[in-house]
Amino acid sequence: MASAVTNTATTVSNTANTVATNPKAQLDSQAFMKLLLTELQYQDPTSPMDTDKMLTQTSQLSALEAQNATKTAMENMTKSFQTSANYSLTSAIGKMADTGLTALNVTNGNGGTFDVYLPKDTTSTTVSIVDSTGNTTYKSFAYSDKEAKDKGVFQVKWDGTDNSGAKVADGAYYVKVNYDAKDGTTGKTTIGAYPIESVKVDGSTAYFKVGSNYIDVTKIKEIYQG
């Protein structure tokens, strides 16, 4: 009897340790079988365990294991699909991405830095920042033949002042770009659309390198052939 008590105490202690290391109290197949065998070992000989009860428990265990196996398979499949989808994004490199940026927001008189994309090599480029009515607010970026801008992205830093040097009022301002190309043509462009240079994956999130920034692909409004 003392041995049985000791064994029972040991089993209870082991079970307590299992619960302590498994706060969600989820039993795997090995733990379930150990518990079932312990129950059989210490069952009352005059009132043995019901066979139907044993079958029900083993059936529940089988169903649980099948459910866990299906869950694991689905998780692996999802990861595989996600990885495949991220790699497929490399086909967008070289195309144009519309980031949805249409205006510069001035807060507390502060302007900011923004990217401009030129589709051609130019001999002269003029960047104008206008208010909501179209009035030119700031116009000091006039590149001459000596400062021709090559095709690609370049940055413009605006200090938030107007032509007189005074701080502009807070609000939305828009960028207009006019250029004379080396091939003799003229053109216009604005901010917000840039070539996709590369793809970066961080965990389950993919980013496009556009201009000087990495942007979540889910934030891109449109991808098109430039």
C-alpha atoms as a PDB file:
ATOM      1  CA  MET A   1       0.000   0.000   0.000  1.00  0.00           C
ATOM      2  CA  ALA A   2       2.835   2.363   0.878  1.00  0.00           C
ATOM      3  CA  SER A   3       4.383   1.665  -2.523  1.00  0.00           C
ATOM      4  CA  ALA A   4       1.123   2.429  -4.292  1.00  0.00           C
ATOM      5  CA  VAL A   5       0.792   5.651  -2.371  1.00  0.00           C
ATOM      6  CA  THR A   6       4.365   6.560  -3.201  1.00  0.00           C
ATOM      7  CA  ASN A   7       3.832   5.780  -6.893  1.00  0.00           C
ATOM      8  CA  THR A   8       0.622   7.773  -6.915  1.00  0.00           C
ATOM      9  CA  ALA A   9       2.347  10.728  -5.281  1.00  0.00           C
ATOM     10  CA  THR A  10       5.140  10.489  -7.838  1.00  0.00           C
ATOM     11  CA  THR A  11       2.600  10.409 -10.696  1.00  0.00           C
ATOM     12  CA  VAL A  12       0.781  13.427  -9.286  1.00  0.00           C
ATOM     13  CA  SER A  13       4.105  15.232  -8.906  1.00  0.00           C
ATOM     14  CA  ASN A  14       5.066  14.459 -12.512  1.00  0.00           C
ATOM     15  CA  THR A  15       1.662  15.585 -13.705  1.00  0.00           C
ATOM     16  CA  ALA A  16       2.054  18.841 -11.757  1.00  0.00           C
ATOM     17  CA  ASN A  17       5.437  19.393 -13.384  1.00  0.00           C
ATOM     18  CA  THR A  18       3.905  18.765 -16.810  1.00  0.00           C
ATOM     19  CA  VAL A  19       1.161  21.323 -16.142  1.00  0.00           C
ATOM     20  CA  ALA A  20       3.744  23.829 -14.897  1.00  0.00           C
ATOM     21  CA  THR A  21       5.719  23.539 -18.135  1.00  0.00           C
ATOM     22  CA  ASN A  22       2.565  23.388 -20.235  1.00  0.00           C
ATOM     23  CA  PRO A  23       0.356  26.244 -18.997  1.00  0.00           C
ATOM     24  CA  LYS A  24      -2.279  25.599 -21.657  1.00  0.00           C
ATOM     25  CA  ALA A  25      -2.655  22.025 -20.323  1.00  0.00           C
ATOM     26  CA  GLN A  26      -2.471  20.469 -23.791  1.00  0.00           C
ATOM     27  CA  LEU A  27      -1.478  16.787 -23.846  1.00  0.00           C
ATOM     28  CA  ASP A  28       0.456  15.235 -26.673  1.00  0.00           C
ATOM     29  CA  SER A  29       0.031  11.550 -27.572  1.00  0.00           C
ATOM     30  CA  GLN A  30       2.833  10.352 -25.288  1.00  0.00           C
ATOM     31  CA  ALA A  31       1.514  12.244 -22.288  1.00  0.00           C
ATOM     32  CA  PHE A  32      -2.013  10.988 -22.991  1.00  0.00           C
ATOM     33  CA  MET A  33      -0.901   7.342 -23.166  1.00  0.00           C
ATOM     34  CA  LYS A  34       1.158   7.717 -19.991  1.00  0.00           C
ATOM     35  CA  LEU A  35      -1.859   9.148 -18.203  1.00  0.00           C
ATOM     36  CA  LEU A  36      -4.111   6.382 -19.546  1.00  0.00           C
ATOM     37  CA  LEU A  37      -1.702   3.619 -18.457  1.00  0.00           C
ATOM     38  CA  THR A  38      -1.366   5.204 -15.023  1.00  0.00           C
ATOM     39  CA  GLU A  39      -5.144   5.291 -14.751  1.00  0.00           C
ATOM     40  CA  LEU A  40      -5.318   1.605 -15.692  1.00  0.00           C
ATOM     41  CA  GLN A  41      -2.572   0.754 -13.205  1.00  0.00           C
ATOM     42  CA  TYR A  42      -4.368   2.316 -10.289  1.00  0.00           C
ATOM     43  CA  GLN A  43      -7.942   1.543 -11.227  1.00  0.00           C
ATOM     44  CA  ASP A  44     -10.196  -0.145  -8.712  1.00  0.00           C
ATOM     45  CA  PRO A  45     -10.106  -3.913  -9.505  1.00  0.00           C
ATOM     46  CA  THR A  46     -13.720  -4.200  -8.374  1.00  0.00           C
ATOM     47  CA  SER A  47     -14.736  -1.445 -10.793  1.00  0.00           C
ATOM     48  CA  PRO A  48     -12.478  -1.571 -13.883  1.00  0.00           C
ATOM     49  CA  MET A  49     -12.464   1.193 -16.490  1.00  0.00           C
ATOM     50  CA  ASP A  50     -15.301   1.073 -18.970  1.00  0.00           C
ATOM     51  CA  THR A  51     -14.122  -0.183 -22.372  1.00  0.00           C
ATOM     52  CA  ASP A  52     -16.387   2.257 -24.182  1.00  0.00           C
ATOM     53  CA  LYS A  53     -14.824   5.081 -22.204  1.00  0.00           C
ATOM     54  CA  MET A  54     -11.332   3.966 -23.248  1.00  0.00           C
ATOM     55  CA  LEU A  55     -12.371   3.790 -26.908  1.00  0.00           C
ATOM     56  CA  THR A  56     -13.926   7.248 -26.685  1.00  0.00           C
ATOM     57  CA  GLN A  57     -10.748   8.702 -25.207  1.00  0.00           C
ATOM     58  CA  THR A  58      -8.481   7.104 -27.809  1.00  0.00           C
ATOM     59  CA  SER A  59     -10.813   8.284 -30.569  1.00  0.00           C
ATOM     60  CA  GLN A  60     -10.649  11.814 -29.200  1.00  0.00           C
ATOM     61  CA  LEU A  61      -6.866  11.589 -29.123  1.00  0.00           C
ATOM     62  CA  SER A  62      -6.758  10.411 -32.751  1.00  0.00           C
ATOM     63  CA  ALA A  63      -9.048  13.241 -33.817  1.00  0.00           C
ATOM     64  CA  LEU A  64      -6.914  15.771 -31.947  1.00  0.00           C
ATOM     65  CA  GLU A  65      -3.702  14.480 -33.537  1.00  0.00           C
ATOM     66  CA  ALA A  66      -5.299  14.608 -36.999  1.00  0.00           C
ATOM     67  CA  GLN A  67      -6.472  18.170 -36.346  1.00  0.00           C
ATOM     68  CA  ASN A  68      -2.996  19.238 -35.204  1.00  0.00           C
ATOM     69  CA  ALA A  69      -1.410  17.560 -38.239  1.00  0.00           C
ATOM     70  CA  THR A  70      -3.821  19.396 -40.547  1.00  0.00           C
ATOM     71  CA  LYS A  71      -3.105  22.699 -38.801  1.00  0.00           C
ATOM     72  CA  THR A  72       0.642  22.197 -39.177  1.00  0.00           C
ATOM     73  CA  ALA A  73       0.266  21.272 -42.846  1.00  0.00           C
ATOM     74  CA  MET A  74      -1.857  24.371 -43.496  1.00  0.00           C
ATOM     75  CA  GLU A  75       0.647  26.621 -41.726  1.00  0.00           C
ATOM     76  CA  ASN A  76       3.508  25.185 -43.786  1.00  0.00           C
ATOM     77  CA  MET A  77       1.479  25.580 -46.970  1.00  0.00           C
ATOM     78  CA  THR A  78       0.675  29.194 -46.109  1.00  0.00           C
ATOM     79  CA  LYS A  79       4.351  29.957 -45.503  1.00  0.00           C
ATOM     80  CA  SER A  80       5.242  28.289 -48.798  1.00  0.00           C
ATOM     81  CA  PHE A  81       2.641  30.316 -50.696  1.00  0.00           C
ATOM     82  CA  GLN A  82       3.813  33.516 -48.989  1.00  0.00           C
ATOM     83  CA  THR A  83       7.442  32.837 -49.914  1.00  0.00           C
ATOM     84  CA  SER A  84       6.471  32.052 -53.501  1.00  0.00           C
ATOM     85  CA  ALA A  85       4.376  35.222 -53.719  1.00  0.00           C
ATOM     86  CA  ASN A  86       7.223  37.354 -52.360  1.00  0.00           C
ATOM     87  CA  TYR A  87       9.669  35.936 -54.898  1.00  0.00           C
ATOM     88  CA  SER A  88       7.200  36.567 -57.717  1.00  0.00           C
ATOM     89  CA  LEU A  89       7.320  40.277 -56.854  1.00  0.00           C
ATOM     90  CA  THR A  90      10.786  40.470 -58.407  1.00  0.00           C
ATOM     91  CA  SER A  91       9.034  40.510 -61.797  1.00  0.00           C
ATOM     92  CA  ALA A  92       7.906  44.063 -60.949  1.00  0.00           C
ATOM     93  CA  ILE A  93      11.490  45.385 -60.826  1.00  0.00           C
ATOM     94  CA  GLY A  94      11.961  47.990 -63.554  1.00  0.00           C
ATOM     95  CA  LYS A  95       8.278  48.876 -63.733  1.00  0.00           C
ATOM     96  CA  MET A  96       6.701  52.041 -62.352  1.00  0.00           C
ATOM     97  CA  ALA A  97       4.974  52.149 -58.966  1.00  0.00           C
ATOM     98  CA  ASP A  98       2.375  54.747 -58.054  1.00  0.00           C
ATOM     99  CA  THR A  99       2.766  55.363 -54.321  1.00  0.00           C
ATOM    100  CA  GLY A 100      -0.343  57.516 -54.090  1.00  0.00           C
ATOM    101  CA  LEU A 101       1.675  60.547 -52.979  1.00  0.00           C
ATOM    102  CA  THR A 102       0.116  63.640 -54.551  1.00  0.00           C
ATOM    103  CA  ALA A 103       1.006  66.490 -52.202  1.00  0.00           C
ATOM    104  CA  LEU A 104       3.496  67.784 -49.649  1.00  0.00           C
ATOM    105  CA  ASN A 105       2.027  68.474 -46.246  1.00  0.00           C
ATOM    106  CA  VAL A 106       3.517  71.481 -44.480  1.00  0.00           C
ATOM    107  CA  THR A 107       3.230  71.410 -40.684  1.00  0.00           C
ATOM    108  CA  ASN A 108       4.495  74.193 -38.406  1.00  0.00           C
ATOM    109  CA  GLY A 109       6.087  75.860 -41.410  1.00  0.00           C
ATOM    110  CA  ASN A 110       8.333  72.887 -42.200  1.00  0.00           C
ATOM    111  CA  GLY A 111       8.703  71.674 -45.779  1.00  0.00           C
ATOM    112  CA  GLY A 112      10.702  68.515 -46.346  1.00  0.00           C
ATOM    113  CA  THR A 113      12.636  66.395 -48.815  1.00  0.00           C
ATOM    114  CA  PHE A 114      10.958  64.635 -51.717  1.00  0.00           C
ATOM    115  CA  ASP A 115      11.942  62.542 -54.730  1.00  0.00           C
ATOM    116  CA  VAL A 116      11.450  63.498 -58.369  1.00  0.00           C
ATOM    117  CA  TYR A 117      11.742  61.000 -61.206  1.00  0.00           C
ATOM    118  CA  LEU A 118      12.827  62.064 -64.700  1.00  0.00           C
ATOM    119  CA  PRO A 119      12.039  59.596 -67.496  1.00  0.00           C
ATOM    120  CA  LYS A 120      14.728  61.082 -69.765  1.00  0.00           C
ATOM    121  CA  ASP A 121      18.119  62.764 -69.640  1.00  0.00           C
ATOM    122  CA  THR A 122      17.500  66.501 -69.542  1.00  0.00           C
ATOM    123  CA  THR A 123      19.206  69.760 -70.399  1.00  0.00           C
ATOM    124  CA  SER A 124      16.951  71.870 -68.183  1.00  0.00           C
ATOM    125  CA  THR A 125      14.609  70.989 -65.332  1.00  0.00           C
ATOM    126  CA  THR A 126      12.324  73.269 -63.351  1.00  0.00           C
ATOM    127  CA  VAL A 127      10.658  72.180 -60.126  1.00  0.00           C
ATOM    128  CA  SER A 128       7.730  74.325 -58.975  1.00  0.00           C
ATOM    129  CA  ILE A 129       5.808  73.994 -55.714  1.00  0.00           C
ATOM    130  CA  VAL A 130       2.298  75.438 -55.886  1.00  0.00           C
ATOM    131  CA  ASP A 131      -0.556  75.875 -53.460  1.00  0.00           C
ATOM    132  CA  SER A 132      -4.055  74.485 -53.877  1.00  0.00           C
ATOM    133  CA  THR A 133      -5.006  77.324 -56.216  1.00  0.00           C
ATOM    134  CA  GLY A 134      -2.031  76.686 -58.509  1.00  0.00           C
ATOM    135  CA  ASN A 135      -0.093  79.784 -57.487  1.00  0.00           C
ATOM    136  CA  THR A 136       3.650  79.206 -57.529  1.00  0.00           C
ATOM    137  CA  THR A 137       4.995  79.207 -53.978  1.00  0.00           C
ATOM    138  CA  TYR A 138       8.608  78.274 -54.448  1.00  0.00           C
ATOM    139  CA  LYS A 139      10.596  78.134 -57.659  1.00  0.00           C
ATOM    140  CA  SER A 140      14.344  78.036 -57.335  1.00  0.00           C
ATOM    141  CA  PHE A 141      15.307  74.740 -58.941  1.00  0.00           C
ATOM    142  CA  ALA A 142      16.113  75.679 -62.529  1.00  0.00           C
ATOM    143  CA  TYR A 143      18.870  73.440 -63.857  1.00  0.00           C
ATOM    144  CA  SER A 144      20.804  74.857 -66.795  1.00  0.00           C
ATOM    145  CA  ASP A 145      22.780  73.017 -69.491  1.00  0.00           C
ATOM    146  CA  LYS A 146      25.745  73.019 -67.138  1.00  0.00           C
ATOM    147  CA  GLU A 147      23.680  71.199 -64.517  1.00  0.00           C
ATOM    148  CA  ALA A 148      21.776  68.778 -66.677  1.00  0.00           C
ATOM    149  CA  LYS A 149      19.857  66.099 -64.794  1.00  0.00           C
ATOM    150  CA  ASP A 150      20.208  62.519 -65.972  1.00  0.00           C
ATOM    151  CA  LYS A 151      17.310  60.113 -66.237  1.00  0.00           C
ATOM    152  CA  GLY A 152      16.398  58.736 -62.828  1.00  0.00           C
ATOM    153  CA  VAL A 153      15.454  59.868 -59.337  1.00  0.00           C
ATOM    154  CA  PHE A 154      16.854  62.930 -57.613  1.00  0.00           C
ATOM    155  CA  GLN A 155      15.941  64.605 -54.347  1.00  0.00           C
ATOM    156  CA  VAL A 156      14.707  68.119 -53.721  1.00  0.00           C
ATOM    157  CA  LYS A 157      14.798  69.745 -50.299  1.00  0.00           C
ATOM    158  CA  TRP A 158      12.270  72.480 -49.629  1.00  0.00           C
ATOM    159  CA  ASP A 159      12.515  74.598 -46.502  1.00  0.00           C
ATOM    160  CA  GLY A 160       8.834  75.575 -46.572  1.00  0.00           C
ATOM    161  CA  THR A 161       9.330  79.152 -47.767  1.00  0.00           C
ATOM    162  CA  ASP A 162       7.848  81.085 -50.663  1.00  0.00           C
ATOM    163  CA  ASN A 163       9.597  83.171 -53.339  1.00  0.00           C
ATOM    164  CA  SER A 164      10.188  85.993 -50.858  1.00  0.00           C
ATOM    165  CA  GLY A 165      11.704  83.687 -48.257  1.00  0.00           C
ATOM    166  CA  ALA A 166       8.703  83.859 -45.920  1.00  0.00           C
ATOM    167  CA  LYS A 167       7.300  80.731 -44.329  1.00  0.00           C
ATOM    168  CA  VAL A 168       4.204  79.417 -46.084  1.00  0.00           C
ATOM    169  CA  ALA A 169       1.009  78.574 -44.247  1.00  0.00           C
ATOM    170  CA  ASP A 170       0.439  75.005 -43.133  1.00  0.00           C
ATOM    171  CA  GLY A 171      -1.420  72.842 -45.616  1.00  0.00           C
ATOM    172  CA  ALA A 172      -1.048  70.797 -48.783  1.00  0.00           C
ATOM    173  CA  TYR A 173       1.252  71.871 -51.621  1.00  0.00           C
ATOM    174  CA  TYR A 174       1.763  70.283 -55.008  1.00  0.00           C
ATOM    175  CA  VAL A 175       4.855  69.688 -57.133  1.00  0.00           C
ATOM    176  CA  LYS A 176       5.090  70.404 -60.857  1.00  0.00           C
ATOM    177  CA  VAL A 177       8.170  69.466 -62.888  1.00  0.00           C
ATOM    178  CA  ASN A 178       8.891  70.702 -66.419  1.00  0.00           C
ATOM    179  CA  TYR A 179      11.945  69.545 -68.335  1.00  0.00           C
ATOM    180  CA  ASP A 180      13.704  69.860 -71.681  1.00  0.00           C
ATOM    181  CA  ALA A 181      15.105  66.494 -72.729  1.00  0.00           C
ATOM    182  CA  LYS A 182      18.384  65.954 -74.544  1.00  0.00           C
ATOM    183  CA  ASP A 183      16.495  64.368 -77.421  1.00  0.00           C
ATOM    184  CA  GLY A 184      14.823  67.721 -78.110  1.00  0.00           C
ATOM    185  CA  THR A 185      11.471  66.902 -76.544  1.00  0.00           C
ATOM    186  CA  THR A 186       9.828  68.515 -73.534  1.00  0.00           C
ATOM    187  CA  GLY A 187       7.834  66.884 -70.791  1.00  0.00           C
ATOM    188  CA  LYS A 188       6.146  67.153 -67.426  1.00  0.00           C
ATOM    189  CA  THR A 189       6.177  64.954 -64.377  1.00  0.00           C
ATOM    190  CA  THR A 190       5.374  65.148 -60.671  1.00  0.00           C
ATOM    191  CA  ILE A 191       5.968  63.264 -57.436  1.00  0.00           C
ATOM    192  CA  GLY A 192       4.532  59.924 -56.358  1.00  0.00           C
ATOM    193  CA  ALA A 193       5.531  57.612 -59.245  1.00  0.00           C
ATOM    194  CA  TYR A 194       8.969  55.970 -59.327  1.00  0.00           C
ATOM    195  CA  PRO A 195      10.691  52.925 -60.847  1.00  0.00           C
ATOM    196  CA  ILE A 196      10.791  49.798 -58.695  1.00  0.00           C
ATOM    197  CA  GLU A 197      14.472  49.167 -58.024  1.00  0.00           C
ATOM    198  CA  SER A 198      14.387  46.117 -55.767  1.00  0.00           C
ATOM    199  CA  VAL A 199      12.283  43.946 -53.460  1.00  0.00           C
ATOM    200  CA  LYS A 200      13.015  43.414 -49.763  1.00  0.00           C
ATOM    201  CA  VAL A 201      11.261  40.820 -47.590  1.00  0.00           C
ATOM    202  CA  ASP A 202      11.055  41.250 -43.815  1.00  0.00           C
ATOM    203  CA  GLY A 203       9.192  38.361 -42.234  1.00  0.00           C
ATOM    204  CA  SER A 204       5.858  38.085 -44.026  1.00  0.00           C
ATOM    205  CA  THR A 205       5.977  41.663 -45.343  1.00  0.00           C
ATOM    206  CA  ALA A 206       7.487  42.614 -48.703  1.00  0.00           C
ATOM    207  CA  TYR A 207       8.730  46.081 -49.608  1.00  0.00           C
ATOM    208  CA  PHE A 208       9.493  47.793 -52.920  1.00  0.00           C
ATOM    209  CA  LYS A 209      12.497  50.114 -53.167  1.00  0.00           C
ATOM    210  CA  VAL A 210      11.063  53.182 -54.917  1.00  0.00           C
ATOM    211  CA  GLY A 211      12.887  56.483 -54.962  1.00  0.00           C
ATOM    212  CA  SER A 212      14.829  56.740 -51.715  1.00  0.00           C
ATOM    213  CA  ASN A 213      12.319  54.728 -49.663  1.00  0.00           C
ATOM    214  CA  TYR A 214      11.149  51.180 -49.058  1.00  0.00           C
ATOM    215  CA  ILE A 215       7.349  50.987 -49.238  1.00  0.00           C
ATOM    216  CA  ASP A 216       5.089  48.115 -48.166  1.00  0.00           C
ATOM    217  CA  VAL A 217       3.786  46.536 -51.377  1.00  0.00           C
ATOM    218  CA  THR A 218       0.252  46.680 -49.998  1.00  0.00           C
ATOM    219  CA  LYS A 219       0.535  50.491 -49.950  1.00  0.00           C
ATOM    220  CA  ILE A 220       1.312  50.708 -53.683  1.00  0.00           C
ATOM    221  CA  LYS A 221      -1.696  52.053 -55.614  1.00  0.00           C
ATOM    222  CA  GLU A 222      -0.698  50.867 -59.094  1.00  0.00           C
ATOM    223  CA  ILE A 223       2.135  49.149 -60.986  1.00  0.00           C
ATOM    224  CA  TYR A 224       2.537  49.874 -64.665  1.00  0.00           C
ATOM    225  CA  GLN A 225       5.047  49.725 -67.486  1.00  0.00           C
ATOM    226  CA  GLY A 226       7.126  52.894 -67.571  1.00  0.00           C
END
